[in-house]
N, C-alpha and C. Protein backbone atom coordinates (compact mmCIF):
# COMPACT_ATOMS: atom_id res chain seq x y z
N UNK A 1 0.99 -1.53 -0.01
CA UNK A 1 -0.09 -0.10 -0.17
C UNK A 1 1.07 1.07 -0.01
N UNK A 2 0.37 2.31 -0.77
CA UNK A 2 1.00 3.27 -0.31
C UNK A 2 0.05 4.70 -0.60
N UNK A 3 0.49 5.88 -0.26
CA UNK A 3 -0.04 6.89 -0.35
C UNK A 3 -1.19 7.23 0.73
N UNK A 4 -2.54 7.29 -0.18
CA UNK A 4 -3.73 7.61 0.56
C UNK A 4 -4.20 6.45 0.97
N UNK A 5 -4.11 5.28 0.31
CA UNK A 5 -4.63 3.85 0.63
C UNK A 5 -3.73 3.37 1.95
N UNK A 6 -2.41 3.84 2.18
CA UNK A 6 -1.71 3.32 3.43
C UNK A 6 -2.38 4.34 4.59
N UNK A 7 -2.37 5.53 4.23
CA UNK A 7 -2.98 6.47 5.43
C UNK A 7 -4.12 5.96 5.78
N UNK A 8 -5.23 5.90 5.27
CA UNK A 8 -6.54 5.11 5.41
C UNK A 8 -6.66 4.08 6.20
N UNK A 9 -5.51 2.76 5.50
CA UNK A 9 -5.56 1.80 6.41
C UNK A 9 -5.15 2.26 7.98
N UNK A 10 -3.63 2.56 8.02
CA UNK A 10 -3.55 3.23 9.29
C UNK A 10 -4.47 4.05 10.20
N UNK A 11 -5.35 5.08 9.55
CA UNK A 11 -6.12 5.43 10.44
C UNK A 11 -7.50 5.04 10.93
N UNK A 12 -7.76 3.84 10.30
CA UNK A 12 -8.71 2.77 10.38
C UNK A 12 -8.26 1.39 11.31
N UNK A 13 -7.14 1.32 11.33
CA UNK A 13 -6.92 -0.31 12.15
C UNK A 13 -5.68 0.15 13.01
N UNK A 14 -5.02 1.63 13.31
CA UNK A 14 -3.65 1.39 14.33
C UNK A 14 -4.57 2.55 14.79
N UNK A 15 -4.33 2.42 16.12
CA UNK A 15 -4.38 3.52 17.21
C UNK A 15 -3.21 3.96 17.93
N UNK A 16 -2.78 4.95 17.89
CA UNK A 16 -1.23 5.28 18.63
C UNK A 16 -1.72 6.46 19.68
N UNK A 17 -0.83 6.08 20.57
CA UNK A 17 -0.64 6.74 21.89
C UNK A 17 0.68 7.44 22.05
N UNK A 18 0.88 8.68 22.12
CA UNK A 18 2.58 8.98 21.94
C UNK A 18 2.59 9.26 23.41
N UNK A 19 3.85 9.85 23.37
CA UNK A 19 4.34 10.15 24.71
C UNK A 19 3.85 11.56 24.87
N UNK A 20 4.02 12.23 23.96
CA UNK A 20 3.45 13.67 24.13
C UNK A 20 1.96 13.99 23.05
N UNK A 21 1.08 14.29 23.74
CA UNK A 21 -0.18 14.29 22.91
C UNK A 21 -0.07 15.18 21.83
N UNK A 22 -0.87 14.93 20.27
CA UNK A 22 -0.78 15.51 19.45
C UNK A 22 -2.33 16.03 19.10
N UNK A 23 -2.13 17.40 19.10
CA UNK A 23 -4.13 17.62 18.63
C UNK A 23 -3.71 18.76 17.62
N UNK A 24 -5.02 19.02 16.61
CA UNK A 24 -5.00 20.41 15.99
C UNK A 24 -5.88 21.34 17.10
N UNK A 25 -4.84 22.04 17.37
CA UNK A 25 -5.03 22.97 18.39
C UNK A 25 -6.35 24.34 18.40
N UNK A 26 -6.63 24.12 16.86
CA UNK A 26 -7.68 25.48 16.73
C UNK A 26 -9.04 24.50 16.79
N UNK A 27 -8.98 23.22 16.96
CA UNK A 27 -10.34 22.66 17.06
C UNK A 27 -10.55 21.85 18.60
N UNK A 28 -11.93 21.92 18.89
CA UNK A 28 -12.32 21.57 19.92
C UNK A 28 -12.07 19.90 20.21
N UNK A 29 -11.98 19.30 21.60
CA UNK A 29 -11.71 17.65 21.72
C UNK A 29 -12.57 17.04 20.73
N UNK A 30 -14.09 17.39 20.94
CA UNK A 30 -14.59 17.18 19.77
C UNK A 30 -14.60 16.75 18.56
N UNK A 31 -14.29 18.14 18.12
CA UNK A 31 -13.92 18.16 16.55
C UNK A 31 -12.80 17.42 16.32
N UNK A 32 -11.53 16.98 17.06
CA UNK A 32 -10.30 16.68 17.06
C UNK A 32 -10.92 15.21 16.83
N UNK A 33 -11.61 14.61 17.74
CA UNK A 33 -12.13 13.31 17.76
C UNK A 33 -13.02 13.01 16.50
N UNK A 34 -14.03 13.91 16.04
CA UNK A 34 -14.60 13.88 14.72
C UNK A 34 -13.78 13.62 13.29
N UNK A 35 -12.49 14.43 13.53
CA UNK A 35 -11.41 14.58 12.40
C UNK A 35 -10.83 13.26 12.26
N UNK A 36 -10.60 12.69 13.31
CA UNK A 36 -10.00 11.37 13.35
C UNK A 36 -10.73 10.25 12.64
N UNK A 37 -12.21 10.21 13.28
CA UNK A 37 -13.05 9.41 12.67
C UNK A 37 -13.23 9.60 11.11
N UNK A 38 -13.01 10.66 10.89
CA UNK A 38 -13.55 11.05 9.39
C UNK A 38 -12.27 10.39 8.52
N UNK A 39 -10.83 10.74 9.05
CA UNK A 39 -9.61 10.29 8.20
C UNK A 39 -9.56 8.78 8.37
N UNK A 40 -10.05 7.98 9.21
CA UNK A 40 -10.08 6.84 9.45
C UNK A 40 -11.10 6.14 8.40
N UNK A 41 -12.16 7.13 7.77
CA UNK A 41 -12.97 6.64 6.78
C UNK A 41 -14.36 5.99 7.47
N UNK A 42 -14.50 6.31 8.65
CA UNK A 42 -15.70 6.42 9.40
C UNK A 42 -16.77 7.27 9.35
N UNK A 43 -17.81 6.97 9.66
CA UNK A 43 -18.81 8.32 9.96
C UNK A 43 -18.62 8.79 11.37
N UNK A 44 -19.02 10.00 10.94
CA UNK A 44 -18.90 10.78 12.71
C UNK A 44 -19.86 10.33 13.70
N UNK A 45 -19.64 9.62 14.65
CA UNK A 45 -20.43 8.77 15.44
C UNK A 45 -20.42 9.72 17.00
N UNK A 46 -21.42 10.29 17.23
CA UNK A 46 -21.67 11.34 18.19
C UNK A 46 -21.46 10.68 19.80
N UNK A 47 -22.60 9.32 19.69
CA UNK A 47 -22.41 8.69 20.68
C UNK A 47 -21.06 8.07 20.98
N UNK A 48 -20.49 7.60 20.08
CA UNK A 48 -19.22 7.19 20.32
C UNK A 48 -18.24 8.07 21.07
N UNK A 49 -17.90 9.13 20.37
CA UNK A 49 -17.02 10.01 21.17
C UNK A 49 -17.74 10.58 22.25
N UNK A 50 -19.14 10.29 22.92
CA UNK A 50 -19.45 10.71 24.23
C UNK A 50 -18.73 9.76 25.00
N UNK A 51 -19.49 8.56 24.69
CA UNK A 51 -18.86 7.36 25.68
C UNK A 51 -17.71 7.09 25.67
N UNK A 52 -16.68 7.52 24.82
CA UNK A 52 -15.36 7.20 24.89
C UNK A 52 -14.95 8.55 25.83
N UNK A 53 -15.38 9.62 25.83
CA UNK A 53 -14.64 10.74 26.83
C UNK A 53 -14.99 10.40 27.92
N UNK A 54 -16.75 9.80 28.32
CA UNK A 54 -17.31 9.62 29.46
C UNK A 54 -16.10 8.61 30.02
N UNK A 55 -16.00 7.75 29.68
CA UNK A 55 -15.14 6.62 30.00
C UNK A 55 -13.81 7.10 30.67
N UNK A 56 -13.53 8.17 30.00
CA UNK A 56 -12.02 8.79 30.31
C UNK A 56 -12.08 10.06 31.25
N UNK A 57 -13.52 9.99 32.19
CA UNK A 57 -13.80 11.47 32.80
C UNK A 57 -13.55 12.64 32.03
N UNK A 58 -13.71 12.82 30.41
CA UNK A 58 -13.82 13.89 30.06
C UNK A 58 -14.78 14.43 29.23
N UNK A 59 -15.78 13.92 29.44
CA UNK A 59 -17.19 14.53 28.86
C UNK A 59 -17.43 15.96 29.09
N UNK A 60 -17.10 16.37 30.08
CA UNK A 60 -17.17 17.98 30.44
C UNK A 60 -16.65 18.76 29.55
N UNK A 61 -15.29 18.14 29.07
CA UNK A 61 -14.32 18.64 28.08
C UNK A 61 -14.52 18.83 27.11
N UNK A 62 -15.60 18.01 26.33
CA UNK A 62 -15.78 17.98 24.86
C UNK A 62 -15.69 19.29 23.73
N UNK A 63 -16.22 20.38 24.64
CA UNK A 63 -16.05 21.56 23.67
C UNK A 63 -14.78 22.39 23.79
N UNK A 64 -14.22 21.93 24.88
CA UNK A 64 -12.85 22.57 25.14
C UNK A 64 -11.80 22.41 23.83
N UNK A 65 -11.01 23.45 23.55
CA UNK A 65 -9.48 23.14 23.05
C UNK A 65 -8.75 22.72 23.73
N UNK A 66 -7.78 21.72 23.10
CA UNK A 66 -6.98 20.89 23.90
C UNK A 66 -6.15 21.66 24.78
N UNK A 67 -5.21 22.84 24.22
CA UNK A 67 -4.78 23.81 24.69
C UNK A 67 -4.80 23.93 26.28
N UNK A 68 -6.34 24.20 26.48
CA UNK A 68 -6.90 24.58 27.72
C UNK A 68 -7.14 23.24 28.90
N UNK A 69 -6.56 21.99 28.42
CA UNK A 69 -6.69 21.09 29.28
C UNK A 69 -5.78 20.83 30.05
N UNK A 70 -5.42 19.98 31.15
CA UNK A 70 -4.24 20.06 31.84
C UNK A 70 -3.85 18.90 31.45
N UNK A 71 -2.34 18.75 31.60
CA UNK A 71 -1.32 17.36 31.14
C UNK A 71 -2.13 16.19 31.50
N UNK A 72 -2.97 15.84 32.30
CA UNK A 72 -3.34 14.68 32.47
C UNK A 72 -4.61 14.19 31.40
N UNK A 73 -5.28 15.83 31.49
CA UNK A 73 -6.32 15.26 30.86
C UNK A 73 -6.04 15.18 29.16
N UNK A 74 -5.06 16.04 28.64
CA UNK A 74 -4.57 16.04 27.51
C UNK A 74 -4.19 14.42 26.98
N UNK A 75 -3.37 14.09 28.03
CA UNK A 75 -2.72 12.37 27.93
C UNK A 75 -4.27 11.38 27.79
N UNK A 76 -5.22 12.09 28.45
CA UNK A 76 -6.59 11.03 28.44
C UNK A 76 -7.27 11.25 27.21
N UNK A 77 -7.06 12.43 26.55
CA UNK A 77 -7.79 12.95 25.36
C UNK A 77 -7.00 12.43 24.02
N UNK A 78 -5.45 12.34 24.67
CA UNK A 78 -5.21 11.50 23.34
C UNK A 78 -5.00 9.66 23.22
N UNK A 79 -5.60 9.39 24.10
CA UNK A 79 -6.04 7.83 24.54
C UNK A 79 -7.28 7.83 23.69
N UNK A 80 -8.19 8.77 23.52
CA UNK A 80 -9.53 8.68 23.29
C UNK A 80 -9.15 8.71 22.03
N UNK A 81 -8.25 9.71 21.03
CA UNK A 81 -8.39 9.83 19.71
C UNK A 81 -7.57 8.32 19.31
N UNK A 82 -6.48 7.97 20.31
CA UNK A 82 -6.28 6.61 19.39
C UNK A 82 -7.46 5.22 19.41
N UNK A 83 -8.59 5.43 20.26
CA UNK A 83 -9.17 4.21 20.44
C UNK A 83 -10.40 4.50 19.74
N UNK A 84 -10.97 6.16 19.18
CA UNK A 84 -12.24 6.13 18.62
C UNK A 84 -12.45 5.11 17.47
N UNK A 85 -11.38 5.17 16.38
CA UNK A 85 -12.02 4.25 15.68
C UNK A 85 -12.11 2.36 15.85
N UNK A 86 -11.70 2.54 17.13
CA UNK A 86 -11.92 0.63 17.18
C UNK A 86 -10.77 0.05 16.58
N UNK A 87 -9.82 0.61 16.46
CA UNK A 87 -8.56 0.01 15.70
C UNK A 87 -8.22 -1.53 15.88
N UNK A 88 -7.73 -2.25 15.33
CA UNK A 88 -7.42 -3.86 15.54
C UNK A 88 -5.92 -3.59 16.20
N UNK A 89 -5.00 -2.52 16.05
CA UNK A 89 -3.76 -2.69 16.77
C UNK A 89 -3.86 -0.95 17.38
N UNK A 90 -3.32 -1.25 18.86
CA UNK A 90 -3.27 0.16 19.70
C UNK A 90 -1.88 0.16 20.18
N UNK A 91 -1.07 1.10 19.81
CA UNK A 91 0.15 1.05 19.91
C UNK A 91 0.26 2.39 21.11
N UNK A 92 0.85 1.99 22.12
CA UNK A 92 0.41 3.28 23.45
C UNK A 92 2.09 3.53 24.22
N UNK A 93 2.96 4.33 24.03
CA UNK A 93 4.12 4.44 24.58
C UNK A 93 3.78 5.41 25.74
N UNK A 94 3.97 5.15 26.94
CA UNK A 94 3.47 5.75 28.13
C UNK A 94 2.31 6.25 28.58
N UNK A 95 1.33 5.78 28.11
CA UNK A 95 0.38 5.84 28.30
C UNK A 95 -0.62 6.78 29.33
N UNK A 96 -0.03 6.44 30.58
CA UNK A 96 -0.47 6.72 32.01
C UNK A 96 0.63 7.50 32.67
N UNK A 97 1.98 8.13 32.01
CA UNK A 97 3.00 8.68 32.46
C UNK A 97 2.21 9.92 33.61
N UNK A 98 1.51 10.62 33.04
CA UNK A 98 0.62 11.65 33.68
C UNK A 98 -0.40 11.63 34.29
N UNK A 99 -0.57 10.47 34.68
CA UNK A 99 -2.20 10.38 35.51
C UNK A 99 -1.96 9.92 36.67
N UNK A 100 -2.79 10.57 37.65
CA UNK A 100 -2.84 10.03 38.88
C UNK A 100 -3.87 8.49 39.05
N UNK A 101 -3.62 7.72 40.34
CA UNK A 101 -4.02 6.60 40.14
C UNK A 101 -5.47 6.29 39.40
N UNK A 102 -6.47 7.32 39.97
CA UNK A 102 -7.82 7.09 39.23
C UNK A 102 -7.81 7.03 38.15
N UNK A 103 -7.39 7.82 37.31
CA UNK A 103 -7.45 8.04 35.80
C UNK A 103 -6.19 6.96 35.34
N UNK A 104 -5.53 6.46 35.84
CA UNK A 104 -4.49 5.09 35.52
C UNK A 104 -5.42 4.10 35.04
N UNK A 105 -6.28 3.93 36.29
CA UNK A 105 -7.16 3.15 36.29
C UNK A 105 -8.36 3.01 35.10
N UNK A 106 -8.88 4.44 35.12
CA UNK A 106 -9.69 4.67 33.95
C UNK A 106 -9.03 4.31 32.68
N UNK A 107 -7.79 4.59 32.43
CA UNK A 107 -7.46 3.85 31.08
C UNK A 107 -6.91 2.59 31.08
N UNK A 108 -6.66 2.01 32.10
CA UNK A 108 -6.81 0.48 32.11
C UNK A 108 -7.86 -0.13 31.43
N UNK A 109 -9.00 0.12 32.41
CA UNK A 109 -10.19 -0.15 31.73
C UNK A 109 -10.61 -0.03 30.49
N UNK A 110 -10.71 1.24 30.16
CA UNK A 110 -10.76 1.48 28.51
C UNK A 110 -10.12 0.35 27.70
N UNK A 111 -8.53 0.35 27.73
CA UNK A 111 -7.75 -0.39 26.96
C UNK A 111 -8.27 -1.80 27.13
N UNK A 112 -8.38 -2.26 28.19
CA UNK A 112 -9.04 -3.70 28.17
C UNK A 112 -10.07 -4.29 27.46
N UNK A 113 -11.11 -3.20 27.61
CA UNK A 113 -12.62 -3.31 27.26
C UNK A 113 -12.23 -3.07 25.59
N UNK A 114 -12.05 -1.99 25.47
CA UNK A 114 -11.68 -1.98 23.52
C UNK A 114 -10.74 -3.24 23.22
N UNK A 115 -9.58 -3.32 23.74
CA UNK A 115 -9.34 -4.99 23.34
C UNK A 115 -10.17 -5.78 23.09
N UNK A 116 -10.77 -6.16 24.26
CA UNK A 116 -11.38 -7.37 24.36
C UNK A 116 -12.96 -7.39 23.53
N UNK A 117 -13.60 -6.08 23.13
CA UNK A 117 -14.79 -6.09 22.47
C UNK A 117 -14.07 -6.14 21.03
N UNK A 118 -13.33 -5.46 20.36
CA UNK A 118 -12.80 -5.78 18.96
C UNK A 118 -11.95 -6.83 18.53
N UNK A 119 -11.43 -7.47 19.75
CA UNK A 119 -10.21 -8.17 19.67
C UNK A 119 -9.11 -8.03 18.85
N UNK A 120 -8.61 -6.82 19.24
CA UNK A 120 -7.62 -6.13 18.94
C UNK A 120 -6.49 -6.71 19.83
N UNK A 121 -5.01 -6.07 18.78
CA UNK A 121 -3.81 -6.37 19.57
C UNK A 121 -3.48 -4.53 20.44
N UNK A 122 -2.91 -4.96 21.90
CA UNK A 122 -2.58 -3.62 22.66
C UNK A 122 -1.12 -3.81 22.45
N UNK A 123 -0.32 -3.17 22.42
CA UNK A 123 1.03 -3.19 22.67
C UNK A 123 1.42 -1.95 23.49
N UNK A 124 2.09 -1.67 24.71
CA UNK A 124 2.51 -0.75 25.54
C UNK A 124 3.88 -0.70 26.07
N UNK A 125 4.46 0.41 25.92
CA UNK A 125 5.47 0.46 26.42
C UNK A 125 5.77 1.44 27.71
N UNK A 126 5.81 0.96 29.02
CA UNK A 126 5.82 1.54 29.93
C UNK A 126 6.74 1.16 30.99
N UNK A 127 7.36 2.63 32.04
CA UNK A 127 7.86 2.23 32.73
C UNK A 127 6.86 2.43 34.14
N UNK A 128 5.62 2.67 33.90
CA UNK A 128 4.71 2.57 34.69
C UNK A 128 4.11 1.31 35.62
N UNK A 129 4.67 1.25 36.63
CA UNK A 129 4.41 -0.17 37.55
C UNK A 129 3.16 -0.50 37.55
N UNK A 130 2.15 0.55 37.71
CA UNK A 130 0.72 0.73 38.23
C UNK A 130 -0.08 0.01 36.58
N UNK A 131 0.48 0.11 35.63
CA UNK A 131 -0.05 -0.29 34.17
C UNK A 131 0.55 -1.72 34.24
N UNK A 132 2.16 -2.03 34.21
CA UNK A 132 2.74 -3.10 34.21
C UNK A 132 1.83 -4.08 34.84
N UNK A 133 1.47 -3.75 36.44
CA UNK A 133 0.86 -4.84 37.27
C UNK A 133 -0.67 -5.15 36.30
N UNK A 134 -1.45 -4.65 35.50
CA UNK A 134 -2.57 -4.78 35.05
C UNK A 134 -2.79 -6.02 34.12
N UNK A 135 -1.60 -5.84 33.30
CA UNK A 135 -1.49 -7.13 31.91
C UNK A 135 -0.71 -8.37 32.38
N UNK A 136 -1.18 -9.34 32.07
CA UNK A 136 -0.01 -10.88 32.46
C UNK A 136 0.50 -10.99 31.16
N UNK A 137 0.42 -10.58 30.07
CA UNK A 137 0.99 -10.80 28.94
C UNK A 137 1.95 -9.74 28.90
N UNK A 138 3.26 -10.03 29.14
CA UNK A 138 4.13 -8.75 28.93
C UNK A 138 5.72 -9.52 28.50
N UNK A 139 6.55 -8.64 28.25
CA UNK A 139 7.74 -8.98 27.69
C UNK A 139 8.68 -7.83 28.67
N UNK A 140 9.63 -8.05 29.31
CA UNK A 140 10.47 -7.01 30.00
C UNK A 140 11.83 -6.95 29.43
N UNK A 141 11.85 -5.93 28.91
CA UNK A 141 13.27 -5.83 28.42
C UNK A 141 14.43 -5.10 29.30
N UNK A 142 15.37 -5.35 29.48
CA UNK A 142 16.54 -4.83 30.37
C UNK A 142 17.74 -4.46 29.60
N UNK A 143 18.30 -3.39 29.59
CA UNK A 143 19.58 -3.35 29.02
C UNK A 143 20.56 -3.82 29.49
N UNK A 144 21.48 -4.55 28.54
CA UNK A 144 22.44 -5.41 29.20
C UNK A 144 23.16 -4.92 30.06
N UNK A 145 24.01 -3.28 29.88
CA UNK A 145 25.07 -2.64 31.12
C UNK A 145 23.89 -2.36 32.29
N UNK A 146 22.68 -2.18 32.17
CA UNK A 146 21.83 -2.18 33.52
C UNK A 146 22.17 -3.68 34.37
N UNK A 147 22.36 -4.65 33.78
CA UNK A 147 22.59 -5.64 34.69
C UNK A 147 23.90 -5.97 35.51
N UNK A 148 24.69 -5.38 34.88
CA UNK A 148 26.27 -5.19 35.73
C UNK A 148 26.22 -4.61 36.96
N UNK A 149 25.20 -3.46 37.08
CA UNK A 149 25.33 -2.82 38.13
C UNK A 149 24.29 -3.39 39.21
N UNK A 150 24.18 -4.64 38.98
CA UNK A 150 23.40 -5.39 39.85
C UNK A 150 23.81 -6.50 40.98
């Protein structure tokens, strides 16, 4: 695949959570989510947007511009962007790094529910022990030079 076809495939089948959230700052959170749905080739589903934001404790922030959200709210909003299209693969880089315990477990619940309901795969890169303890199928990588110091 190339060009638009590859972009459309990624948009509808792969959800990504980056360490630093990326939004179109001139759009509200709701409009950012609608845009992701559109770019993924999906119809705009207002109920899906509301339920996803509600599960992350962000429903009241739907009309807000992302720049006015706290760091933790932006992190949760980025997770909403990643899961809104029900992708077959979710790649998450430190998805809970800026979150308190309550919101960490909201994210865990959403990711587990999302992967279960869509039979999708989830790859998480994290140092967060709270997150590690919630998933049983894990791979731990340790740098060889760090073993010398033990």
